[in-house]
Structures are given as C-alpha cells and as structure tokens.
Protein backbone atom coordinates (compact mmCIF):
# COMPACT_ATOMS: atom_id res chain seq x y z
CA MET A 1 -31.22 -1.55 55.02
CA SER A 2 -31.95 -4.25 52.30
CA PHE A 3 -32.29 -3.57 48.59
CA ARG A 4 -32.47 -6.90 47.48
CA SER A 5 -35.74 -6.46 45.98
CA SER A 6 -35.19 -3.20 44.21
CA PHE A 7 -32.41 -5.36 41.38
CA ARG A 8 -33.28 -7.53 38.81
CA ARG A 9 -30.72 -10.05 37.19
CA LEU A 10 -29.87 -9.35 33.82
CA SER A 11 -30.13 -12.49 32.52
CA CYS A 12 -32.08 -16.38 33.45
CA GLU A 13 -32.69 -19.71 31.83
CA SER A 14 -36.03 -18.91 30.81
CA GLU A 15 -36.18 -15.35 30.28
CA GLY A 16 -32.77 -14.80 28.49
CA MET A 17 -30.68 -11.68 28.20
CA ILE A 18 -32.74 -8.61 29.46
CA LEU A 19 -31.59 -5.41 27.38
CA GLY A 20 -32.30 -2.16 28.01
CA ALA A 21 -34.14 0.53 26.05
CA ALA A 22 -30.83 2.31 25.29
CA THR A 23 -29.32 -0.98 23.94
CA LEU A 24 -32.10 -1.38 22.08
CA ARG A 25 -31.97 1.65 20.66
CA ASN A 26 -28.55 1.95 19.94
CA LEU A 27 -28.34 -1.84 18.12
CA GLU A 28 -31.74 -0.53 16.45
CA ILE A 29 -33.44 -3.90 17.19
CA LEU A 30 -36.80 -3.18 17.36
CA ASN A 31 -37.05 0.33 15.35
CA ASN A 32 -34.45 2.40 13.24
CA GLN A 33 -32.94 5.27 14.53
CA THR A 34 -33.60 7.05 11.41
CA ASP A 35 -37.40 7.64 11.28
CA GLY A 36 -38.28 5.07 14.37
CA GLY A 37 -39.78 2.95 11.68
CA LEU A 38 -39.52 -0.93 11.63
CA LYS A 39 -37.49 -1.00 8.02
CA GLY A 40 -33.59 -1.51 9.01
CA SER A 41 -34.03 -2.84 12.31
CA LEU A 42 -33.03 -6.42 13.45
CA LEU A 43 -37.02 -7.31 13.99
CA TRP A 44 -37.27 -6.07 10.46
CA VAL A 45 -34.99 -9.11 9.36
CA LEU A 46 -36.22 -11.54 11.25
CA ASP A 47 -39.71 -11.39 11.26
CA HIS A 48 -41.56 -13.36 8.67
CA THR A 49 -44.13 -14.36 10.96
CA ARG A 50 -48.01 -15.55 10.08
CA THR A 51 -49.91 -14.80 13.09
CA SER A 52 -50.26 -11.88 15.50
CA PHE A 53 -49.32 -14.05 18.68
CA GLY A 54 -46.11 -15.09 16.89
CA LYS A 55 -44.90 -11.69 16.39
CA ARG A 56 -45.56 -11.18 19.39
CA LEU A 57 -43.02 -13.54 20.52
CA MET A 58 -40.91 -12.97 17.77
CA ARG A 59 -40.38 -9.29 19.48
CA ASN A 60 -39.70 -11.00 22.71
CA TRP A 61 -37.00 -13.35 21.07
CA VAL A 62 -35.36 -10.24 19.93
CA SER A 63 -35.24 -8.30 22.49
CA GLN A 64 -34.47 -10.98 25.47
CA PRO A 65 -31.86 -13.32 23.26
CA LEU A 66 -31.07 -16.61 24.92
CA THR A 67 -28.64 -17.21 26.78
CA HIS A 68 -28.53 -20.81 27.64
CA PRO A 69 -25.87 -22.85 24.97
CA GLN A 70 -28.90 -26.08 25.55
CA SER A 71 -31.59 -23.43 24.73
CA LEU A 72 -30.05 -22.21 21.58
CA SER A 73 -28.75 -25.89 20.67
CA GLU A 74 -32.44 -27.21 20.34
CA ARG A 75 -33.81 -23.79 19.10
CA GLN A 76 -30.39 -24.23 16.17
CA ASP A 77 -31.66 -28.04 15.80
CA ALA A 78 -35.40 -27.29 14.94
CA VAL A 79 -34.69 -24.05 12.11
CA GLN A 80 -32.18 -26.69 10.34
CA GLU A 81 -34.43 -29.20 10.36
CA ILE A 82 -37.53 -27.11 9.06
CA LEU A 83 -34.54 -26.15 6.24
CA GLU A 84 -33.38 -29.26 5.48
CA SER A 85 -36.18 -31.90 6.05
CA PRO A 86 -38.19 -33.09 2.63
CA SER A 87 -40.84 -33.92 4.69
CA LEU A 88 -44.76 -32.22 3.82
CA THR A 89 -45.30 -32.45 6.84
CA LEU A 90 -43.61 -29.23 8.24
CA SER A 91 -45.05 -27.64 5.30
CA SER A 92 -48.27 -28.79 6.22
CA ILE A 93 -47.87 -27.44 9.69
CA LYS A 94 -46.98 -24.00 8.58
CA SER A 95 -49.95 -23.23 5.92
CA LEU A 96 -52.06 -24.05 9.32
CA LEU A 97 -51.05 -20.88 10.63
CA SER A 98 -51.85 -18.58 7.62
CA HIS A 99 -55.30 -17.01 8.14
CA LEU A 100 -55.83 -17.48 11.85
CA PRO A 101 -57.27 -14.67 14.03
CA ASP A 102 -55.59 -13.35 17.10
CA LEU A 103 -55.98 -16.35 19.39
CA GLU A 104 -53.91 -15.09 22.17
CA ARG A 105 -55.73 -12.01 22.56
CA GLY A 106 -59.35 -13.97 22.05
CA ILE A 107 -58.65 -16.35 24.90
CA CYS A 108 -57.58 -13.50 27.13
CA SER A 109 -61.10 -11.81 26.18
CA ILE A 110 -62.87 -15.06 26.53
CA TYR A 111 -61.25 -15.79 29.71
CA HIS A 112 -62.24 -12.09 31.11
CA LYS A 113 -65.99 -12.45 29.79
CA LYS A 114 -65.55 -9.61 27.61
CA CYS A 115 -66.12 -11.33 24.04
CA SER A 116 -69.36 -11.85 22.06
CA THR A 117 -70.69 -15.19 20.73
CA GLN A 118 -68.99 -14.24 17.24
CA GLU A 119 -65.49 -13.71 18.70
CA PHE A 120 -65.83 -16.27 20.68
CA TYR A 121 -67.01 -18.67 17.64
CA LEU A 122 -64.23 -17.93 15.52
CA ILE A 123 -62.00 -18.34 18.25
CA SER A 124 -62.88 -21.84 19.19
CA SER A 125 -63.41 -22.87 15.98
CA GLY A 126 -60.04 -21.94 15.20
CA LEU A 127 -58.70 -23.48 17.98
CA SER A 128 -60.85 -26.33 17.45
CA ARG A 129 -59.53 -26.95 13.94
CA LEU A 130 -55.80 -26.96 14.68
CA GLY A 131 -56.08 -29.22 17.37
CA LEU A 132 -58.15 -32.12 14.88
CA GLU A 133 -55.51 -31.48 11.83
CA LEU A 134 -52.77 -31.56 14.02
CA GLN A 135 -54.02 -34.61 15.45
CA ALA A 136 -54.82 -36.44 12.11
CA LEU A 137 -50.87 -35.47 11.65
CA LEU A 138 -49.69 -37.14 14.88
CA PRO A 139 -48.20 -40.14 13.08
CA ALA A 140 -46.18 -38.16 10.49
CA ILE A 141 -45.07 -36.19 13.47
CA GLN A 142 -43.65 -38.86 15.48
CA SER A 143 -41.85 -40.56 12.06
CA GLN A 144 -40.70 -38.11 10.15
CA ILE A 145 -39.67 -35.02 12.91
CA SER A 146 -36.65 -35.95 14.94
CA SER A 147 -35.89 -32.46 15.93
CA ALA A 148 -36.54 -32.70 20.49
CA LEU A 149 -38.80 -29.03 20.49
CA LEU A 150 -40.43 -29.42 17.48
CA ARG A 151 -41.51 -33.10 18.34
CA GLY A 152 -42.29 -31.28 21.87
CA LEU A 153 -44.35 -28.75 20.84
CA LEU A 154 -46.42 -30.61 17.96
CA LEU A 155 -47.08 -34.06 19.72
CA ASP A 156 -48.31 -31.90 22.73
CA THR A 157 -50.74 -29.35 21.50
CA PRO A 158 -53.60 -31.32 19.79
CA ASP A 159 -54.07 -32.54 23.79
CA LEU A 160 -53.86 -29.02 24.68
CA LEU A 161 -56.56 -27.67 22.05
CA ALA A 162 -58.95 -30.84 22.80
CA PRO A 163 -61.66 -28.78 25.29
CA ALA A 164 -61.71 -26.40 22.50
CA HIS A 165 -63.84 -28.81 20.26
CA SER A 166 -65.93 -30.10 23.39
CA HIS A 167 -67.03 -26.57 23.71
CA LEU A 168 -67.71 -25.75 19.83
CA LYS A 169 -69.81 -28.70 18.92
CA VAL A 170 -73.10 -27.88 21.57
CA LEU A 171 -73.10 -24.38 19.88
CA ASN A 172 -75.33 -23.69 17.35
CA GLU A 173 -73.31 -21.94 14.35
CA LYS A 174 -76.04 -19.54 12.89
CA ALA A 175 -77.23 -18.70 16.16
CA ALA A 176 -73.12 -17.82 17.69
CA LYS A 177 -72.68 -15.83 14.10
CA SER A 178 -75.98 -13.87 14.86
CA GLY A 179 -75.34 -13.17 18.29
CA ASN A 180 -78.84 -14.52 19.26
CA LYS A 181 -78.34 -16.05 22.83
CA THR A 182 -81.86 -17.73 23.21
CA GLU A 183 -80.68 -20.08 20.22
CA LEU A 184 -76.92 -20.65 21.11
CA PHE A 185 -76.59 -23.64 22.27
CA SER A 186 -77.81 -26.18 19.79
CA ASP A 187 -77.58 -29.33 22.64
CA LEU A 188 -79.50 -28.66 25.75
CA SER A 189 -78.75 -31.60 28.04
CA GLY A 190 -76.16 -29.50 29.09
CA PHE A 191 -78.57 -26.60 30.19
CA PRO A 192 -81.28 -27.99 32.69
CA VAL A 193 -82.70 -24.05 33.32
CA LEU A 194 -83.01 -23.59 29.56
CA GLN A 195 -84.41 -26.69 28.74
CA GLU A 196 -87.53 -26.03 31.39
CA ARG A 197 -88.03 -22.71 30.29
CA ARG A 198 -88.07 -23.45 26.69
CA GLU A 199 -90.73 -25.82 27.88
CA GLN A 200 -92.83 -23.70 29.29
CA ILE A 201 -92.42 -21.37 26.57
CA GLN A 202 -93.97 -24.11 24.14
CA THR A 203 -96.56 -24.61 26.63
CA VAL A 204 -97.88 -20.95 26.33
CA ILE A 205 -97.44 -20.92 22.66
CA ASN A 206 -99.42 -24.35 22.12
CA GLU A 207 -101.97 -22.90 24.43
CA ILE A 208 -102.56 -20.12 22.13
CA GLN A 209 -102.33 -21.87 19.04
CA ASP A 210 -105.04 -24.11 20.17
CA HIS A 211 -107.32 -21.19 21.43
CA ARG A 212 -107.62 -20.21 17.45
CA LYS A 213 -110.70 -23.16 17.09
CA GLU A 214 -112.71 -21.28 19.63
CA VAL A 215 -111.80 -17.30 17.73
CA ARG A 216 -113.16 -19.33 14.37
CA LEU A 217 -116.43 -20.62 16.12
CA THR A 218 -116.64 -17.37 17.30
CA LEU A 219 -116.08 -14.97 13.98
CA LYS A 220 -117.49 -18.31 12.14
CA THR A 221 -114.46 -18.19 9.68
CA PRO A 222 -113.05 -21.61 9.52
CA ALA A 223 -109.77 -20.28 7.76
CA LEU A 224 -108.59 -17.38 10.31
CA ASP A 225 -105.04 -17.60 11.78
CA TYR A 226 -103.21 -15.28 13.66
CA THR A 227 -101.12 -12.29 12.27
CA SER A 228 -98.47 -10.16 13.43
CA VAL A 229 -97.70 -6.64 13.16
CA SER A 230 -94.74 -3.99 14.18
CA GLY A 231 -93.62 -6.51 16.57
CA GLN A 232 -97.29 -8.05 17.86
CA GLU A 233 -97.95 -11.38 17.53
CA PHE A 234 -101.03 -13.33 17.60
CA LEU A 235 -103.66 -10.69 16.50
CA ILE A 236 -106.94 -11.80 15.05
CA GLU A 237 -107.63 -9.65 12.53
CA VAL A 238 -111.18 -8.72 11.41
CA LYS A 239 -112.45 -6.40 8.81
CA ASN A 240 -114.32 -3.15 9.49
CA LEU A 241 -117.54 -4.69 7.64
CA ARG A 242 -118.02 -7.39 10.30
CA SER A 243 -116.60 -5.60 13.30
CA SER A 244 -120.01 -6.42 14.93
CA THR A 245 -119.17 -9.93 14.98
CA VAL A 246 -116.14 -8.79 17.29
CA PRO A 247 -117.14 -9.71 21.53
CA PRO A 248 -116.85 -6.91 23.14
CA ASP A 249 -114.56 -8.05 26.18
CA TRP A 250 -111.80 -8.49 23.21
CA VAL A 251 -108.97 -5.88 23.35
CA LYS A 252 -108.52 -3.79 20.16
CA ILE A 253 -104.75 -3.67 19.34
CA SER A 254 -104.27 -1.68 16.43
CA SER A 255 -106.91 -0.98 13.21
CA THR A 256 -106.94 0.85 9.40
CA LYS A 257 -109.29 1.83 7.34
CA ALA A 258 -110.15 -1.84 6.29
CA VAL A 259 -109.14 -4.16 9.13
CA GLY A 260 -108.89 -4.12 13.43
CA ARG A 261 -106.37 -6.14 15.11
CA TYR A 262 -107.75 -7.38 18.48
CA HIS A 263 -106.25 -10.08 21.22
CA SER A 264 -109.03 -11.87 23.27
CA PRO A 265 -109.18 -11.94 27.14
CA LEU A 266 -107.15 -15.66 27.05
CA LEU A 267 -104.46 -14.03 24.41
CA VAL A 268 -103.98 -10.75 26.62
CA GLU A 269 -103.26 -12.85 29.66
CA ARG A 270 -101.12 -15.77 27.67
CA TYR A 271 -99.54 -13.73 25.62
CA LYS A 272 -98.19 -11.54 28.92
CA LYS A 273 -97.20 -14.49 30.48
CA LEU A 274 -95.12 -15.46 27.11
CA LEU A 275 -93.46 -12.37 26.75
CA GLN A 276 -92.34 -12.51 30.71
CA LEU A 277 -91.55 -16.11 30.02
CA ARG A 278 -89.13 -14.65 27.28
CA GLU A 279 -87.49 -12.18 28.98
CA GLN A 280 -86.98 -14.15 31.79
CA LEU A 281 -85.17 -16.68 29.42
CA LEU A 282 -82.70 -13.46 28.53
CA LEU A 283 -81.94 -13.74 31.95
CA ASP A 284 -81.24 -17.35 31.72
CA CYS A 285 -79.66 -16.80 28.52
CA GLN A 286 -76.95 -14.87 29.56
CA LYS A 287 -76.51 -16.20 33.04
CA GLU A 288 -75.72 -19.62 30.93
CA TRP A 289 -73.47 -17.80 28.25
CA THR A 290 -71.29 -16.26 31.42
CA ASN A 291 -70.93 -20.01 33.29
CA PHE A 292 -70.62 -21.54 29.75
CA LEU A 293 -67.53 -18.74 29.66
CA ASP A 294 -66.19 -19.74 33.01
CA GLN A 295 -66.19 -23.46 31.96
CA PHE A 296 -64.33 -22.30 28.97
CA GLY A 297 -61.75 -19.93 31.32
CA GLU A 298 -60.63 -23.01 33.24
CA HIS A 299 -59.14 -24.40 30.48
CA TYR A 300 -57.27 -20.95 29.78
CA HIS A 301 -53.61 -22.02 30.81
CA THR A 302 -54.16 -25.16 28.90
CA MET A 303 -55.21 -22.87 25.74
CA LYS A 304 -52.64 -20.25 26.16
CA ARG A 305 -49.89 -23.17 26.71
CA ALA A 306 -51.14 -24.25 23.27
CA ILE A 307 -50.78 -20.90 21.64
CA SER A 308 -47.75 -20.77 22.79
CA HIS A 309 -46.33 -23.48 21.12
CA LEU A 310 -48.15 -22.62 18.06
CA ALA A 311 -46.56 -19.07 18.46
CA THR A 312 -42.84 -20.90 18.97
CA MET A 313 -43.38 -23.04 15.50
CA ASP A 314 -44.33 -19.70 13.76
CA CYS A 315 -41.54 -18.02 14.75
CA LEU A 316 -39.25 -21.02 14.26
CA PHE A 317 -40.31 -21.24 10.42
CA SER A 318 -39.84 -17.24 10.12
CA LEU A 319 -36.36 -17.96 11.13
CA ALA A 320 -35.72 -20.65 8.45
CA GLU A 321 -37.31 -18.48 5.92
CA VAL A 322 -34.68 -15.43 7.04
CA ALA A 323 -31.89 -18.58 6.95
CA LYS A 324 -32.72 -19.77 4.07
CA GLN A 325 -33.10 -16.43 1.65
CA GLY A 326 -30.07 -14.90 3.67
CA ASP A 327 -27.75 -17.99 2.96
CA TYR A 328 -26.39 -18.04 6.52
CA CYS A 329 -24.66 -20.76 8.41
CA ARG A 330 -25.29 -22.00 11.73
CA PRO A 331 -23.37 -20.72 14.30
CA GLU A 332 -21.36 -22.62 16.86
CA VAL A 333 -22.26 -21.82 20.55
CA CYS A 334 -19.19 -23.28 22.75
CA GLU A 335 -20.13 -23.19 26.53
CA GLY A 336 -17.60 -22.01 28.52
CA GLN A 337 -15.54 -20.37 26.02
CA ARG A 338 -15.70 -16.36 26.22
CA GLN A 339 -14.96 -15.31 23.03
CA ILE A 340 -16.75 -14.13 19.64
CA MET A 341 -15.25 -15.57 16.13
CA ILE A 342 -17.18 -14.44 13.13
CA ARG A 343 -15.70 -15.42 9.64
CA ASP A 344 -17.55 -13.12 6.39
CA GLY A 345 -19.35 -11.42 8.95
CA ARG A 346 -22.25 -9.35 7.31
CA HIS A 347 -24.89 -7.40 8.85
CA PRO A 348 -28.34 -8.66 8.43
CA ALA A 349 -30.07 -5.18 8.30
CA ILE A 350 -27.54 -3.32 6.03
CA ASP A 351 -26.69 -6.08 3.97
CA LEU A 352 -30.59 -6.68 2.88
CA LEU A 353 -31.17 -2.52 2.48
CA MET A 354 -27.93 -2.49 -0.01
CA GLY A 355 -29.68 -5.51 -1.77
CA ASP A 356 -27.72 -7.23 -4.59
CA HIS A 357 -26.11 -5.06 -6.61
CA ASN A 358 -23.97 -2.98 -3.77
CA GLN A 359 -23.21 -5.99 -1.68
CA TYR A 360 -21.97 -5.44 1.82
CA VAL A 361 -18.29 -6.28 2.55
CA PRO A 362 -17.77 -8.89 4.71
CA ASN A 363 -16.29 -8.39 8.54
CA LEU A 364 -13.67 -10.68 10.36
CA THR A 365 -13.98 -10.16 14.10
CA GLU A 366 -11.80 -12.00 16.73
CA LEU A 367 -13.03 -11.25 20.32
CA GLN A 368 -11.51 -13.25 22.72
CA VAL A 369 -10.58 -12.73 26.49
CA HIS A 370 -8.21 -14.81 28.66
CA VAL A 371 -8.48 -13.01 32.35
CA LYS A 372 -9.19 -9.46 32.14
CA ALA A 373 -12.84 -8.29 30.80
CA LEU A 374 -13.38 -6.91 27.24
CA THR A 375 -13.71 -2.92 26.71
CA LEU A 376 -14.93 -1.56 23.67
CA PHE A 377 -14.56 1.97 23.73
CA VAL A 378 -15.73 4.24 21.38
CA THR A 379 -14.19 7.97 20.83
CA HIS A 380 -13.62 10.91 18.96
CA TYR A 381 -10.85 12.23 20.64
CA PRO A 382 -7.76 11.73 19.36
CA PRO A 383 -5.58 12.34 22.91
CA LEU A 384 -7.53 8.96 24.04
CA CYS A 385 -5.21 7.17 21.53
CA GLU A 386 -1.84 7.82 23.41
CA LEU A 387 -3.10 5.03 25.84
CA GLU A 388 -2.33 2.18 23.99
CA ARG A 389 1.58 3.83 23.71
CA VAL A 390 0.56 3.79 27.85
CA TYR A 391 -0.24 0.66 28.47
CA PRO A 392 0.83 -1.62 25.13
CA GLU A 393 -0.26 -5.02 26.95
CA HIS A 394 -3.85 -3.42 27.94
CA VAL A 395 -5.03 -1.45 24.99
CA SER A 396 -5.11 -1.58 21.82
CA ASN A 397 -5.98 1.26 18.55
CA PHE A 398 -8.56 0.43 16.10
CA HIS A 399 -10.48 2.02 13.24
CA MET A 400 -12.87 0.99 10.72
CA ALA A 401 -11.47 1.16 7.42
CA PHE A 402 -12.37 3.09 4.42
CA LEU A 403 -11.32 4.52 1.26
CA LEU A 404 -9.93 8.41 0.67
CA ASN A 405 -10.66 10.25 -2.48
CA GLU A 406 -8.88 13.19 -2.26
CA PRO A 407 -10.34 15.82 -4.73
CA ASP A 408 -8.44 18.87 -6.30
CA ILE A 409 -7.91 21.51 -3.93
CA ASN A 410 -8.74 24.43 -6.12
CA THR A 411 -11.91 24.11 -8.51
CA ASP A 412 -12.57 26.44 -11.45
CA ASP A 413 -14.54 28.46 -9.23
CA GLY A 414 -11.75 28.64 -6.73
CA GLU A 415 -14.00 26.04 -4.62
CA VAL A 416 -12.62 23.54 -1.96
CA GLN A 417 -14.34 20.65 -2.09
CA PRO A 418 -14.51 18.16 0.82
CA GLU A 419 -12.69 14.72 0.25
CA PHE A 420 -15.32 11.68 -0.36
CA VAL A 421 -14.72 8.83 2.04
CA THR A 422 -15.82 5.19 1.23
CA PHE A 423 -16.32 3.09 3.96
CA LEU A 424 -15.38 -0.40 3.80
CA TYR A 425 -16.74 -2.01 7.31
CA GLN A 426 -13.55 -3.63 8.16
CA LEU A 427 -12.15 -3.49 11.70
CA THR A 428 -8.31 -2.28 11.21
CA GLU A 429 -5.49 -1.98 13.65
CA GLY A 430 -4.44 1.71 14.16
CA ALA A 431 -6.06 4.65 15.07
CA ALA A 432 -7.80 6.67 12.48
CA GLY A 433 -5.52 9.59 11.18
CA ARG A 434 -7.78 12.68 10.94
CA SER A 435 -12.08 13.24 11.23
CA TYR A 436 -14.17 13.35 8.33
CA GLY A 437 -16.74 14.94 9.09
CA LEU A 438 -17.67 16.54 6.36
CA ASN A 439 -18.65 13.30 4.31
CA VAL A 440 -20.95 12.57 6.97
CA ALA A 441 -22.48 16.36 5.88
CA ARG A 442 -22.51 14.78 2.42
CA LEU A 443 -24.75 11.42 3.82
CA VAL A 444 -27.47 13.32 5.11
CA ASP A 445 -28.15 15.47 2.09
CA ILE A 446 -26.37 18.84 3.53
CA PRO A 447 -26.66 21.67 0.50
CA VAL A 448 -23.48 21.62 -2.04
CA PRO A 449 -22.96 25.46 -0.98
CA ILE A 450 -22.58 24.67 2.48
CA LEU A 451 -20.22 22.00 2.22
CA HIS A 452 -18.02 23.82 0.15
CA THR A 453 -17.56 26.67 2.57
CA ALA A 454 -17.24 24.63 5.21
CA ALA A 455 -14.26 22.72 3.33
CA ARG A 456 -12.52 26.00 2.66
CA LYS A 457 -13.15 26.88 6.56
CA ALA A 458 -11.58 23.84 7.78
CA ARG A 459 -8.78 23.89 5.51
CA GLU A 460 -7.69 27.62 6.29
CA LEU A 461 -8.68 26.44 10.36
CA GLU A 462 -6.16 23.54 9.75
CA ASN A 463 -3.49 25.14 7.90
CA THR A 464 -3.62 27.74 11.09
CA VAL A 465 -3.36 25.02 14.17
CA ASN A 466 -0.57 23.68 11.72
CA ALA A 467 1.34 27.19 11.79
CA ARG A 468 0.84 27.43 15.44
CA ARG A 469 1.96 23.91 15.84
CA ARG A 470 5.14 24.12 14.03
CA THR A 471 5.96 27.95 15.39
CA LYS A 472 5.71 26.31 19.01
CA LYS A 473 8.12 23.54 17.77
CA LEU A 474 10.83 25.86 16.70
CA LEU A 475 10.64 28.26 19.61
CA SER A 476 10.77 25.28 21.76
CA ASP A 477 13.50 23.63 19.75
CA LEU A 478 15.38 27.15 19.57
CA LEU A 479 15.40 27.28 23.57
CA SER A 480 17.02 24.37 24.18
CA ILE A 481 20.14 25.31 22.16
CA SER A 482 23.02 26.09 24.19
CA ASP A 483 25.55 26.13 21.52
CA ARG A 484 27.33 26.97 17.90
CA SER A 485 27.51 23.34 16.91
CA SER A 486 23.46 22.62 18.17
CA LEU A 487 21.91 25.89 16.56
CA MET A 488 23.56 24.99 13.00
CA ALA A 489 22.04 21.32 13.27
CA TRP A 490 18.55 23.15 14.27
CA LEU A 491 18.92 25.37 11.24
CA GLN A 492 19.59 22.45 8.68
CA SER A 493 16.56 20.67 10.16
CA ASP A 494 14.42 23.46 8.91
CA SER A 495 15.17 24.12 5.36
CA SER A 496 12.98 27.09 5.26
CA LEU A 497 15.25 28.82 7.84
CA VAL A 498 18.72 27.43 6.04
CA GLN A 499 17.48 29.92 2.64
CA HIS A 500 16.70 32.69 4.87
CA GLN A 501 20.00 32.27 6.62
CA GLU A 502 21.70 32.28 3.04
CA ASN A 503 19.33 35.62 2.60
CA THR A 504 20.36 37.67 5.74
CA GLN A 505 23.79 36.14 6.35
CA PRO A 506 23.65 37.25 10.23
CA ALA A 507 26.20 37.20 12.78
CA ILE A 508 26.67 34.52 14.71
CA SER A 509 29.11 34.34 17.83
CA GLU A 510 28.46 31.86 20.96
C-alpha cells in the first residue's frame, strides 16, 4: 500500500517553507494571541502595502518564508535598492500603486463573466493606465534600476497589460458607467451583428419619421410632431375639440380632458417592429458582451501575472519602508551553513509596541550545529534540568535573564507582597532558580488582594516543603551514622541540634 499522495513536502523552491497552524499561532505570525487581532503580529509590523492584492501576497510571504538563498538575495537586493536609490523612478512607480481597485479579484470576476459593465470599465481602465504609465517609464527603468528582480518585474509588466488598453478603447465610457449595454461599444466594426441590428432599427425609425408628412396633411397641422408619454413613443396628440378630424382607423392610446393620443395603422405596425428589433438588440448586446468577456478572459493568465508583478512591487516597497523606519540591517544568508547568529537582535513587534520611551533590550543569539540536530526545549519541570549533569556534552540549561526586586515580607497590614520581576529579554546560561508565577498574575491584572493572599499561601507552602526536606535529610544522615565521631560531626554540622545538645546534655554511648 502506498501513502505517497498523502504526504506533502515541508518546503520547496517555489513555495518556501510551509508553516503549520500551530506555528503560525504560537509565533504570532498573522495574529496576536491576546485577542486574536492583527496588532502585535509579524504581519502587522511588515504590512505597509497599498493594494488589496499586495496585502494578500504579503500574508503569503510571512506565512511561507523563502528558503532558497538566491531568492532571498534577490529580494534583499531589491529592498536595498529601493532604500538607497536616489532615482525618482521608483517613487513614481510607488505612487502608481495608490488608490487602485482590487485588480486581482476584478479580473477573476471578468474571467468567470460575473462582472458588470461598471466593474469591467473600472478594472480595465486601471490596468490600461498602469500599462501606459509604466511603458513611459521604461527608458528610466532600463538606465536607473540595477536590481535583477526589480528590472524583471517592471520591464515585463507593460507588455502583459497591453491587452487591457485594446479592449478599453472600444468601450463607450458613459454607457459603461451607466450599465447601458446597447450603447456600450463605441466602435461597431468588430461587432457586425450589432451594426446590422442598429441599421435595421434606424431604418424603421426613418420610416416613422417620414410618416409625419402624411399625418400633418391628414390633420391639416403643418407643425405637428410626435410626442412621448409614459414610455409610449411616436404618439399623435390631437386636441379633443378637433377629434372629428381623426381618421376612424387610428388607435387611441391614451387621453386627457384636453387631448387624445393616437397611433395610425402604419405607426402601430412600425412601432411594434421597432420594439421587436430593440428587444433583439438587447439579446444581441448581451451575447456580444459575453463574447467580449471571453476575449478578455483569453488574456487572464497574462493579466494575472502582471498583477502578481505589481503585488510583488507593493510588498517590496512595504519591506523597504519597514527597514527604513526600524533601522534594520541586511542579514547575511550563508548557503550550506547550519547556524543562526544575531547581534543586538530585537523582536520587531514588541519593539514597536514599546515605543521610543521604553526600548526593547537587544539580544545576542548564537545557534550553531555541527553534527547533531539542534533542539530547543522549554520546560517548567525543574527535574529535567538534571539532564545537563547527566549529559554535559549534549545538554545545556539556559533561562531568560531578569531582575528580582524582593519586597518587604511583612507590610504594615501584615500582608505578604509578591516579588516584582523585570524581564531583560536576554538568554542566560544556567537554569532558573525558581518559578515566578505571581509576577505573571500581576501582568494580567489579577486583583491585588488575591495576589497578597497567593503570596502568603505560597510562602507558607514553601516553608512547609523546605522543613520537610530538611527533616528528611536529617533523618537520612542520622540513619547513616555508625560511630561516635560521625555522630559528633553530624551534630556540629547543624547548629540547631548543637544548641539542643547543649541545653539537654543527653547521655551518649556507642
């Protein structure tokens, strides 16, 4: 039985490292663990993107970090050039990304033919504008930008966006924004069916307009013209005082106290034909609109690639902004070396949350592996610290450094105060001497009376346990005594027993 299809590689060159849900949660990559919000997470620190599609790509970047050294180096080169380049070209490109619609979801909606004419015009006009403006910047890009990643993205994008301009120029902007599909296409040379239908409609309208001459002669009204009321067109309006001049075969459509409105037999027949042609035009326009979206959809993958380039640029600008604000240095990636060395490292989220007046204490980190696998094990069980004594060459104990401010044990009201711990955020050799859970309780704002009671109970329990341990040790040592000299040495080692001996003067015999 084969289970090969059930397994997935943890990383690959195209995707990067795959981080599990537990890792994303525990490292607070996408959300903090306090309230599940964005603030305080790594994504919150790094995401200064300007576009919706850039935000989605940044989320992918932080949840699937790169592992290939060359890809890392190319991204670092791009960020460094954005930071250090004096050229205004990159600033111009950055400004192009502002106030863009969600192009990625827009072309997806177009591809599946779910978009309206308004949405299509918004997306296609945005793509066309970007393509034309980037095309104008090509000479500056070729001469001023050296990063291979930036050059590849910017030089490739204008050609990928070219189809958007060709589709946009056949549209009537006003009709597209109003949703009028019958007037949507300004150039009908590519739509012969619509052109023929329009000609048929115009022929009928011309016949109706020419019929006015006959109507004027019949009613002896040289200035008569058609009127439209409540959606009914080409109405012949006659005052009721002159209703006797209306031929009997005319059809009354509507009337008021003052006038009557009629259609002649020719108007009845031609107007019916006109309505049929208009209805057919709507069907033809819908069909041509669907075909038009299909034609645009043929360029979906090239458009998606162009938008991916724009999203990458947005993310690179975001990383450059973070690097500039946080005064970060460029890490050196050493291929083939299994080590992590950090000098004066800072936690990006905590450092930002603490602000300028309460700076984060920098850390020194050196993790090197030569042969055996490196394992970092965090425990609250002191007996496990004995592994260092048993396996001194393979196991070492470390703890996070802190300052302990011991309060007065007895206050004015007799309450026991818990210790106050100041964390230094530095990894220090050796195991921690004890647990400081009450300080954690203070950090989460447990009420003070509860802290005092807990401190008193903890002190009582600690004294009881220590007394039991001393008694057990004394009894164990006493049982091991076999002669008078050993007994005297044991008595002298414990001052309390010596004092007891002086007071009671017991008889001692072998």
